[in-house]
């Protein structure tokens, strides 16, 4: 993605700062669209809550709407 939307590393850094998230990995397509977001998280919170936090953080920081279907939580 262009600098306005940050890089995969920027997204990973932001996501990894969220509560109960241990690590993350973001994959962009050649068209610079996010296609996969993988998250390793604590089991203290539901995967659904983690996904909502990720969507909210990315929306607040970069102004992008991320489809929950591309986010996986383990």
Protein backbone atom coordinates (compact mmCIF):
# COMPACT_ATOMS: atom_id res chain seq x y z
CA UNK A 1 0.00 0.00 0.00
CA UNK A 2 1.14 3.56 -0.42
CA UNK A 3 2.56 5.44 2.54
CA UNK A 4 -0.84 6.94 3.42
CA UNK A 5 -2.08 3.44 4.31
CA UNK A 6 1.19 2.31 5.81
CA UNK A 7 3.18 -0.81 5.07
CA UNK A 8 2.56 -4.38 6.16
CA UNK A 9 5.13 -3.81 8.90
CA UNK A 10 3.27 -0.69 10.08
CA UNK A 11 0.02 -2.66 10.26
CA UNK A 12 1.72 -5.53 12.12
CA UNK A 13 3.22 -3.12 14.64
CA UNK A 14 -0.16 -1.49 15.26
CA UNK A 15 -2.01 -4.81 15.58
CA UNK A 16 0.62 -6.26 17.91
CA UNK A 17 0.04 -3.37 20.34
CA UNK A 18 -3.60 -4.39 20.88
CA UNK A 19 -4.62 -6.04 24.15
CA UNK A 20 -4.06 -9.81 24.23
CA UNK A 21 -2.34 -9.89 20.80
CA UNK A 22 1.06 -11.57 20.83
CA UNK A 23 2.01 -11.30 17.15
CA UNK A 24 0.57 -10.60 13.73
CA UNK A 25 1.40 -11.05 10.05
CA UNK A 26 -0.14 -9.00 7.25
CA UNK A 27 -0.07 -9.92 3.55
CA UNK A 28 -0.83 -7.44 0.76
CA UNK A 29 -1.65 -8.38 -2.84
CA UNK A 30 0.35 -7.03 -5.77
CA UNK A 31 -2.45 -4.46 -6.12
CA UNK A 32 -1.58 -3.26 -2.59
CA UNK A 33 -4.77 -4.55 -1.00
CA UNK A 34 -4.73 -6.44 2.31
CA UNK A 35 -5.55 -10.09 1.57
CA UNK A 36 -4.56 -11.85 4.81
CA UNK A 37 -4.16 -10.78 8.42
CA UNK A 38 -3.01 -13.51 10.80
CA UNK A 39 -3.07 -12.94 14.54
CA UNK A 40 -1.70 -14.95 17.45
CA UNK A 41 -3.65 -13.95 20.55
CA UNK A 42 -4.44 -14.92 24.11
CA UNK A 43 -7.54 -17.00 24.76
CA UNK A 44 -8.68 -14.52 27.42
CA UNK A 45 -10.80 -12.72 24.82
CA UNK A 46 -12.92 -14.13 22.05
CA UNK A 47 -11.59 -14.17 18.48
CA UNK A 48 -14.58 -12.03 17.48
CA UNK A 49 -13.54 -9.31 19.95
CA UNK A 50 -9.95 -9.41 18.68
CA UNK A 51 -11.15 -9.06 15.07
CA UNK A 52 -13.29 -6.06 16.00
CA UNK A 53 -10.31 -4.45 17.75
CA UNK A 54 -8.15 -4.99 14.65
CA UNK A 55 -10.78 -3.49 12.37
CA UNK A 56 -11.23 -0.50 14.70
CA UNK A 57 -7.50 0.14 15.04
CA UNK A 58 -6.89 0.02 11.29
CA UNK A 59 -9.89 2.23 10.63
CA UNK A 60 -8.81 4.79 13.23
CA UNK A 61 -5.15 4.88 12.18
CA UNK A 62 -5.36 4.48 8.39
CA UNK A 63 -9.00 5.18 7.57
CA UNK A 64 -9.48 1.80 5.89
CA UNK A 65 -12.30 -0.70 6.28
CA UNK A 66 -10.99 -4.27 6.51
CA UNK A 67 -13.31 -7.19 5.80
CA UNK A 68 -13.39 -9.53 8.78
CA UNK A 69 -13.14 -12.51 6.41
CA UNK A 70 -9.43 -11.86 5.80
CA UNK A 71 -8.59 -11.82 9.54
CA UNK A 72 -7.70 -15.10 11.23
CA UNK A 73 -7.09 -15.45 14.96
CA UNK A 74 -5.29 -18.35 16.62
